[in-house]
């Protein structure tokens, strides 16, 4: 009735229910911790990207973006 059942549709349903019933994000503390760690690593990652040649840098950027999206597949910004 609602199309194919996928991981994406399950994540969307979960997000919808959390928002509809005003539940806080159960992973917000974990996300905050991970963001803090990521920010500490940011400068060294940028410096290592700057050290790469143009083609290697493009590949590293795309690989990083895809890995980040897969890791955080349920994030509202990623799905939008």
Protein backbone atom coordinates (compact mmCIF):
# COMPACT_ATOMS: atom_id res chain seq x y z
CA UNK A 1 0.00 0.00 0.00
CA UNK A 2 2.89 2.41 0.75
CA UNK A 3 5.48 1.18 -1.75
CA UNK A 4 8.62 -0.83 -1.19
CA UNK A 5 9.81 -1.35 2.36
CA UNK A 6 13.38 -0.09 2.60
CA UNK A 7 15.78 1.03 5.29
CA UNK A 8 15.12 4.58 4.12
CA UNK A 9 11.35 4.21 4.58
CA UNK A 10 11.86 2.74 8.06
CA UNK A 11 14.15 5.63 9.02
CA UNK A 12 11.63 8.14 7.65
CA UNK A 13 8.83 6.49 9.65
CA UNK A 14 10.94 6.57 12.81
CA UNK A 15 11.74 10.26 12.27
CA UNK A 16 8.09 11.05 11.59
CA UNK A 17 6.93 9.33 14.80
CA UNK A 18 9.60 11.04 16.91
CA UNK A 19 8.52 14.43 15.55
CA UNK A 20 4.78 13.78 15.69
CA UNK A 21 4.82 12.74 19.34
CA UNK A 22 7.50 15.27 20.39
CA UNK A 23 10.07 12.70 21.47
CA UNK A 24 13.63 14.01 21.73
CA UNK A 25 16.25 12.48 19.49
CA UNK A 26 17.45 9.44 21.47
CA UNK A 27 20.89 9.76 19.87
CA UNK A 28 21.46 13.48 20.49
CA UNK A 29 24.09 12.95 23.23
CA UNK A 30 25.99 10.51 21.03
CA UNK A 31 25.81 12.94 18.10
CA UNK A 32 27.09 15.80 20.25
CA UNK A 33 30.01 13.68 21.45
CA UNK A 34 30.87 12.61 17.90
CA UNK A 35 30.64 16.19 16.64
CA UNK A 36 33.06 17.31 19.36
CA UNK A 37 35.55 14.62 18.37
CA UNK A 38 35.14 15.47 14.68
CA UNK A 39 35.81 19.15 15.34
CA UNK A 40 39.05 18.28 17.14
CA UNK A 41 40.19 16.37 14.02
CA UNK A 42 39.00 18.97 11.50
CA UNK A 43 42.22 21.01 11.18
CA UNK A 44 44.45 17.99 10.60
CA UNK A 45 42.03 16.55 8.01
CA UNK A 46 42.01 19.87 6.12
CA UNK A 47 45.80 20.00 6.21
CA UNK A 48 46.09 16.43 4.90
CA UNK A 49 43.63 17.24 2.09
CA UNK A 50 45.64 20.35 1.21
CA UNK A 51 48.76 18.19 0.90
CA UNK A 52 47.16 15.98 -1.78
CA UNK A 53 47.32 16.57 -5.51
CA UNK A 54 44.17 17.79 -7.27
CA UNK A 55 42.93 14.38 -8.45
CA UNK A 56 43.72 12.63 -5.16
CA UNK A 57 41.98 15.44 -3.27
CA UNK A 58 38.81 15.12 -5.36
CA UNK A 59 38.70 11.36 -4.77
CA UNK A 60 39.29 11.81 -1.02
CA UNK A 61 36.54 14.44 -0.78
CA UNK A 62 33.97 12.31 -2.61
CA UNK A 63 34.92 9.25 -0.59
CA UNK A 64 34.56 11.23 2.64
CA UNK A 65 31.20 12.69 1.65
CA UNK A 66 29.80 9.29 0.70
CA UNK A 67 31.13 7.68 3.87
CA UNK A 68 29.62 10.44 5.98
CA UNK A 69 26.24 10.11 4.30
CA UNK A 70 26.18 6.35 4.73
CA UNK A 71 27.24 6.67 8.37
CA UNK A 72 24.57 9.23 9.15
CA UNK A 73 21.90 7.95 6.76
CA UNK A 74 19.11 8.81 9.17
CA UNK A 75 20.00 12.46 9.55
CA UNK A 76 17.24 14.79 8.38
CA UNK A 77 19.66 17.05 6.47
CA UNK A 78 21.09 14.08 4.56
CA UNK A 79 17.67 12.83 3.51
CA UNK A 80 16.60 16.30 2.36
